[in-house]
């Protein structure tokens, strides 16, 4: 019968093969976990970039619409001037201003 010494190569091989199985499983677990975490981080980072670009686009659109709104307000103000309306009524439509009249209204006296 052969005795196994503490420093024998067979004992060391058995210990190292037994000790590698959990560390190999842990390696695959942590590798999978880190790759998954990296993919999740990149996805979130990409979503932030997409949303930031969308926000910038919407802010640009808001500025364009505000400028258009100001232009339309200026046009409304110009088109609603009384002098312009009167000129168009006289020249294009042939309208005339009615003559000034004095109107007297008699109101009955209130009962006492």
N, C-alpha and C. Protein backbone atom coordinates (compact mmCIF):
# COMPACT_ATOMS: atom_id res chain seq x y z
N UNK A 1 0.84 -1.16 0.00
CA UNK A 1 0.00 0.00 0.00
C UNK A 1 0.89 1.23 0.00
N UNK A 2 0.50 2.16 -0.84
CA UNK A 2 1.31 3.37 -0.93
C UNK A 2 0.70 4.43 -0.05
N UNK A 3 1.50 5.06 0.63
CA UNK A 3 0.99 6.12 1.49
C UNK A 3 1.10 7.45 0.73
N UNK A 4 0.13 8.27 0.95
CA UNK A 4 0.11 9.58 0.29
C UNK A 4 0.66 10.60 1.25
N UNK A 5 1.68 11.22 0.84
CA UNK A 5 2.27 12.24 1.68
C UNK A 5 1.58 13.57 1.43
N UNK A 6 1.85 14.44 2.31
CA UNK A 6 1.22 15.76 2.18
C UNK A 6 1.65 16.47 0.91
N UNK A 7 2.82 16.33 0.51
CA UNK A 7 3.33 17.04 -0.65
C UNK A 7 3.31 16.21 -1.91
N UNK A 8 2.58 15.11 -1.93
CA UNK A 8 2.61 14.25 -3.10
C UNK A 8 1.87 14.91 -4.26
N UNK A 9 2.27 14.69 -5.51
CA UNK A 9 1.66 15.31 -6.68
C UNK A 9 0.23 14.86 -6.91
N UNK A 10 -0.14 13.60 -6.55
CA UNK A 10 -1.51 13.14 -6.76
C UNK A 10 -2.50 13.93 -5.91
N UNK A 11 -2.15 14.16 -4.68
CA UNK A 11 -3.02 14.91 -3.78
C UNK A 11 -3.18 16.35 -4.25
N UNK A 12 -2.09 16.92 -4.71
CA UNK A 12 -2.16 18.30 -5.20
C UNK A 12 -3.03 18.39 -6.45
N UNK A 13 -2.94 17.39 -7.33
CA UNK A 13 -3.77 17.40 -8.54
C UNK A 13 -5.25 17.27 -8.19
N UNK A 14 -5.56 16.42 -7.25
CA UNK A 14 -6.95 16.25 -6.86
C UNK A 14 -7.50 17.53 -6.24
N UNK A 15 -6.75 18.15 -5.39
CA UNK A 15 -7.20 19.39 -4.76
C UNK A 15 -7.38 20.49 -5.80
N UNK A 16 -6.44 20.59 -6.71
CA UNK A 16 -6.54 21.66 -7.69
C UNK A 16 -7.69 21.41 -8.66
N UNK A 17 -7.97 20.16 -9.03
CA UNK A 17 -9.09 19.90 -9.93
C UNK A 17 -10.42 20.13 -9.22
N UNK A 18 -10.48 19.81 -7.97
CA UNK A 18 -11.71 20.06 -7.22
C UNK A 18 -11.89 21.56 -7.01
N UNK A 19 -10.85 22.29 -6.76
CA UNK A 19 -10.95 23.72 -6.53
C UNK A 19 -11.23 24.52 -7.80
N UNK A 20 -10.94 23.98 -8.97
CA UNK A 20 -11.16 24.72 -10.20
C UNK A 20 -12.61 24.72 -10.64
N UNK A 21 -13.35 23.71 -10.33
CA UNK A 21 -14.74 23.63 -10.78
C UNK A 21 -15.57 24.82 -10.29
N UNK A 22 -15.55 25.11 -9.00
CA UNK A 22 -16.32 26.28 -8.56
C UNK A 22 -15.75 27.58 -9.12
N UNK A 23 -14.45 27.70 -9.26
CA UNK A 23 -13.92 28.96 -9.77
C UNK A 23 -14.22 29.11 -11.26
N UNK A 24 -14.30 27.99 -12.00
CA UNK A 24 -14.67 28.06 -13.41
C UNK A 24 -16.13 28.47 -13.55
N UNK A 25 -16.99 27.91 -12.72
CA UNK A 25 -18.40 28.29 -12.73
C UNK A 25 -18.55 29.75 -12.32
N UNK A 26 -17.80 30.17 -11.30
CA UNK A 26 -17.86 31.57 -10.88
C UNK A 26 -17.34 32.49 -11.98
N UNK A 27 -16.31 32.05 -12.70
CA UNK A 27 -15.79 32.84 -13.80
C UNK A 27 -16.85 33.04 -14.88
N UNK A 28 -17.53 31.96 -15.26
CA UNK A 28 -18.58 32.08 -16.28
C UNK A 28 -19.74 32.93 -15.79
N UNK A 29 -20.10 32.74 -14.52
CA UNK A 29 -21.18 33.56 -13.96
C UNK A 29 -20.83 35.04 -13.99
N UNK A 30 -19.64 35.38 -13.48
CA UNK A 30 -19.26 36.79 -13.43
C UNK A 30 -19.03 37.37 -14.83
N UNK A 31 -18.51 36.56 -15.72
CA UNK A 31 -18.33 37.02 -17.10
C UNK A 31 -19.68 37.32 -17.73
N UNK A 32 -20.63 36.40 -17.56
CA UNK A 32 -21.98 36.61 -18.09
C UNK A 32 -22.62 37.83 -17.45
N UNK A 33 -22.46 37.95 -16.16
CA UNK A 33 -23.04 39.10 -15.45
C UNK A 33 -22.45 40.41 -15.95
N UNK A 34 -21.13 40.47 -16.09
CA UNK A 34 -20.49 41.71 -16.53
C UNK A 34 -20.83 42.05 -17.97
N UNK A 35 -20.91 41.05 -18.84
CA UNK A 35 -21.30 41.31 -20.23
C UNK A 35 -22.73 41.82 -20.28
N UNK A 36 -23.62 41.20 -19.51
CA UNK A 36 -25.01 41.64 -19.46
C UNK A 36 -25.11 43.06 -18.91
N UNK A 37 -24.36 43.35 -17.87
CA UNK A 37 -24.37 44.70 -17.29
C UNK A 37 -23.82 45.72 -18.29
N UNK A 38 -22.79 45.35 -19.03
CA UNK A 38 -22.22 46.27 -20.03
C UNK A 38 -23.22 46.54 -21.14
N UNK A 39 -23.91 45.49 -21.59
CA UNK A 39 -24.93 45.68 -22.64
C UNK A 39 -26.07 46.55 -22.13
N UNK A 40 -26.51 46.33 -20.91
CA UNK A 40 -27.57 47.15 -20.33
C UNK A 40 -27.12 48.60 -20.20
N UNK A 41 -25.90 48.82 -19.77
CA UNK A 41 -25.37 50.19 -19.64
C UNK A 41 -25.32 50.87 -21.00
N UNK A 42 -24.83 50.16 -22.01
CA UNK A 42 -24.76 50.75 -23.35
C UNK A 42 -26.14 51.04 -23.91
N UNK A 43 -27.11 50.18 -23.63
CA UNK A 43 -28.48 50.42 -24.09
C UNK A 43 -29.06 51.68 -23.44
N UNK A 44 -28.86 51.82 -22.12
CA UNK A 44 -29.35 53.01 -21.42
C UNK A 44 -28.64 54.26 -21.93
N UNK A 45 -27.34 54.17 -22.14
CA UNK A 45 -26.56 55.29 -22.65
C UNK A 45 -27.06 55.69 -24.03
N UNK A 46 -27.36 54.70 -24.87
CA UNK A 46 -27.89 54.98 -26.21
C UNK A 46 -29.27 55.62 -26.12
N UNK A 47 -30.11 55.13 -25.23
CA UNK A 47 -31.44 55.71 -25.07
C UNK A 47 -31.34 57.17 -24.62
N UNK A 48 -30.39 57.47 -23.75
CA UNK A 48 -30.19 58.86 -23.32
C UNK A 48 -29.79 59.73 -24.50
N UNK A 49 -28.90 59.22 -25.36
CA UNK A 49 -28.48 59.98 -26.53
C UNK A 49 -29.65 60.22 -27.49
N UNK A 50 -30.45 59.19 -27.70
CA UNK A 50 -31.60 59.31 -28.60
C UNK A 50 -32.58 60.33 -28.05
N UNK A 51 -32.87 60.25 -26.76
CA UNK A 51 -33.82 61.19 -26.15
C UNK A 51 -33.27 62.62 -26.13
N UNK A 52 -31.97 62.77 -25.91
CA UNK A 52 -31.37 64.10 -25.93
C UNK A 52 -31.47 64.70 -27.33
N UNK A 53 -31.22 63.91 -28.35
CA UNK A 53 -31.36 64.40 -29.73
C UNK A 53 -32.81 64.75 -30.03
N UNK A 54 -33.74 63.96 -29.52
CA UNK A 54 -35.17 64.25 -29.72
C UNK A 54 -35.56 65.56 -29.03
N UNK A 55 -35.05 65.77 -27.83
CA UNK A 55 -35.35 67.02 -27.11
C UNK A 55 -34.80 68.22 -27.85
N UNK A 56 -33.58 68.11 -28.37
CA UNK A 56 -32.99 69.23 -29.13
C UNK A 56 -33.82 69.50 -30.38
N UNK A 57 -34.27 68.45 -31.05
CA UNK A 57 -35.12 68.62 -32.22
C UNK A 57 -36.43 69.29 -31.88
N UNK A 58 -37.02 68.90 -30.77
CA UNK A 58 -38.29 69.51 -30.36
C UNK A 58 -38.09 70.98 -29.95
N UNK A 59 -36.97 71.29 -29.30
CA UNK A 59 -36.71 72.69 -28.95
C UNK A 59 -36.52 73.54 -30.20
N UNK A 60 -35.87 72.99 -31.21
CA UNK A 60 -35.72 73.70 -32.48
C UNK A 60 -37.08 73.93 -33.12
N UNK A 61 -37.91 72.90 -33.09
CA UNK A 61 -39.27 73.01 -33.66
C UNK A 61 -40.08 74.07 -32.90
N UNK A 62 -39.94 74.11 -31.59
CA UNK A 62 -40.66 75.12 -30.80
C UNK A 62 -40.21 76.52 -31.19
N UNK A 63 -38.91 76.72 -31.36
CA UNK A 63 -38.40 78.04 -31.75
C UNK A 63 -38.92 78.43 -33.13
N UNK A 64 -38.97 77.48 -34.06
CA UNK A 64 -39.51 77.76 -35.39
C UNK A 64 -40.98 78.15 -35.32
N UNK A 65 -41.75 77.42 -34.53
CA UNK A 65 -43.18 77.71 -34.40
C UNK A 65 -43.41 79.06 -33.71
N UNK A 66 -42.58 79.41 -32.75
CA UNK A 66 -42.73 80.72 -32.10
C UNK A 66 -42.43 81.84 -33.10
N UNK A 67 -41.42 81.65 -33.95
CA UNK A 67 -41.12 82.66 -34.97
C UNK A 67 -42.27 82.78 -35.96
N UNK A 68 -42.83 81.66 -36.38
CA UNK A 68 -43.97 81.68 -37.29
C UNK A 68 -45.16 82.37 -36.63
N UNK A 69 -45.36 82.10 -35.36
CA UNK A 69 -46.47 82.72 -34.63
C UNK A 69 -46.29 84.24 -34.56
N UNK A 70 -45.06 84.69 -34.33
CA UNK A 70 -44.80 86.13 -34.30
C UNK A 70 -45.04 86.75 -35.68
N UNK A 71 -44.61 86.09 -36.74
CA UNK A 71 -44.85 86.60 -38.09
C UNK A 71 -46.34 86.70 -38.39
N UNK A 72 -47.09 85.69 -37.98
CA UNK A 72 -48.54 85.72 -38.20
C UNK A 72 -49.21 86.82 -37.38
N UNK A 73 -48.73 87.05 -36.18
CA UNK A 73 -49.30 88.12 -35.36
C UNK A 73 -49.04 89.49 -35.99
N UNK A 74 -47.85 89.68 -36.57
CA UNK A 74 -47.54 90.93 -37.27
C UNK A 74 -48.46 91.10 -38.46
N UNK A 75 -48.69 90.00 -39.20
CA UNK A 75 -49.60 90.07 -40.36
C UNK A 75 -51.02 90.39 -39.92
N UNK A 76 -51.47 89.80 -38.82
CA UNK A 76 -52.81 90.11 -38.30
C UNK A 76 -52.91 91.57 -37.93
N UNK A 77 -51.90 92.08 -37.26
CA UNK A 77 -51.92 93.49 -36.86
C UNK A 77 -51.96 94.41 -38.08
N UNK A 78 -51.20 94.07 -39.12
CA UNK A 78 -51.19 94.91 -40.32
C UNK A 78 -52.53 94.83 -41.05
N UNK A 79 -53.10 93.66 -41.14
CA UNK A 79 -54.34 93.50 -41.89
C UNK A 79 -55.55 94.05 -41.15
N UNK A 80 -55.48 94.21 -39.86
CA UNK A 80 -56.64 94.69 -39.11
C UNK A 80 -56.58 96.18 -38.79
N UNK A 81 -55.69 96.92 -39.45
CA UNK A 81 -55.65 98.36 -39.24
C UNK A 81 -56.88 99.02 -39.88
N UNK A 82 -57.48 99.94 -39.17
CA UNK A 82 -58.71 100.60 -39.63
C UNK A 82 -58.48 101.36 -40.93
N UNK A 83 -57.34 102.03 -41.06
CA UNK A 83 -57.07 102.78 -42.30
C UNK A 83 -57.05 101.86 -43.51
N UNK A 84 -56.45 100.72 -43.37
CA UNK A 84 -56.39 99.78 -44.49
C UNK A 84 -57.78 99.26 -44.82
N UNK A 85 -58.56 98.89 -43.82
CA UNK A 85 -59.91 98.38 -44.05
C UNK A 85 -60.77 99.44 -44.73
N UNK A 86 -60.65 100.70 -44.28
CA UNK A 86 -61.42 101.79 -44.88
C UNK A 86 -61.01 102.00 -46.34
N UNK A 87 -59.73 101.98 -46.63
CA UNK A 87 -59.25 102.18 -48.00
C UNK A 87 -59.75 101.07 -48.92
N UNK A 88 -59.69 99.83 -48.48
CA UNK A 88 -60.19 98.72 -49.30
C UNK A 88 -61.69 98.84 -49.50
N UNK A 89 -62.43 99.23 -48.47
CA UNK A 89 -63.88 99.37 -48.59
C UNK A 89 -64.23 100.46 -49.61
N UNK A 90 -63.49 101.54 -49.62
CA UNK A 90 -63.80 102.64 -50.55
C UNK A 90 -63.34 102.32 -51.97
N UNK A 91 -62.11 101.84 -52.12
CA UNK A 91 -61.57 101.67 -53.47
C UNK A 91 -62.03 100.36 -54.12
N UNK A 92 -61.93 99.27 -53.45
CA UNK A 92 -62.24 97.98 -54.06
C UNK A 92 -63.73 97.66 -54.04
N UNK A 93 -64.40 98.00 -52.98
CA UNK A 93 -65.81 97.63 -52.84
C UNK A 93 -66.78 98.78 -53.16
N UNK A 94 -66.26 99.97 -53.35
CA UNK A 94 -67.11 101.11 -53.70
C UNK A 94 -68.03 101.56 -52.57
N UNK A 95 -67.66 101.33 -51.37
CA UNK A 95 -68.50 101.73 -50.24
C UNK A 95 -68.20 103.19 -49.88
N UNK A 96 -69.19 103.82 -49.30
CA UNK A 96 -69.01 105.20 -48.84
C UNK A 96 -69.45 105.28 -47.38
N UNK A 97 -68.89 106.24 -46.71
CA UNK A 97 -69.28 106.44 -45.31
C UNK A 97 -70.65 107.11 -45.30
N UNK A 98 -71.51 106.71 -44.40
CA UNK A 98 -72.84 107.34 -44.34
C UNK A 98 -72.70 108.79 -43.86
N UNK A 99 -73.60 109.64 -44.33
CA UNK A 99 -73.53 111.03 -43.86
C UNK A 99 -73.85 111.11 -42.37
N UNK A 100 -73.27 112.08 -41.77
CA UNK A 100 -73.51 112.27 -40.35
C UNK A 100 -74.93 112.74 -40.14
N UNK A 101 -75.59 112.16 -39.20
CA UNK A 101 -76.97 112.53 -38.90
C UNK A 101 -77.08 112.87 -37.43
N UNK A 102 -78.00 113.72 -37.17
CA UNK A 102 -78.31 114.01 -35.79
C UNK A 102 -79.53 113.20 -35.43
N UNK A 103 -79.45 112.54 -34.39
CA UNK A 103 -80.55 111.71 -33.97
C UNK A 103 -80.99 112.19 -32.60
N UNK A 104 -82.26 112.49 -32.52
CA UNK A 104 -82.80 112.95 -31.25
C UNK A 104 -83.75 111.87 -30.75
N UNK A 105 -83.53 111.48 -29.56
CA UNK A 105 -84.37 110.46 -28.96
C UNK A 105 -85.08 111.10 -27.78
N UNK A 106 -86.41 110.98 -27.81
CA UNK A 106 -87.21 111.50 -26.71
C UNK A 106 -87.57 110.34 -25.80
N UNK A 107 -87.22 110.50 -24.57
CA UNK A 107 -87.54 109.48 -23.58
C UNK A 107 -88.72 109.96 -22.75
N UNK A 108 -89.63 109.08 -22.46
CA UNK A 108 -90.76 109.50 -21.62
C UNK A 108 -90.26 109.80 -20.21
N UNK A 109 -91.00 110.69 -19.61
CA UNK A 109 -90.62 111.03 -18.24
C UNK A 109 -91.03 109.92 -17.30
N UNK A 110 -90.17 109.65 -16.38
CA UNK A 110 -90.52 108.57 -15.44
C UNK A 110 -91.69 109.00 -14.55
N UNK A 111 -92.55 108.03 -14.21
CA UNK A 111 -93.67 108.38 -13.34
C UNK A 111 -93.15 108.75 -11.95
N UNK A 112 -93.94 109.67 -11.32
CA UNK A 112 -93.52 110.14 -10.01
C UNK A 112 -94.20 109.45 -8.90
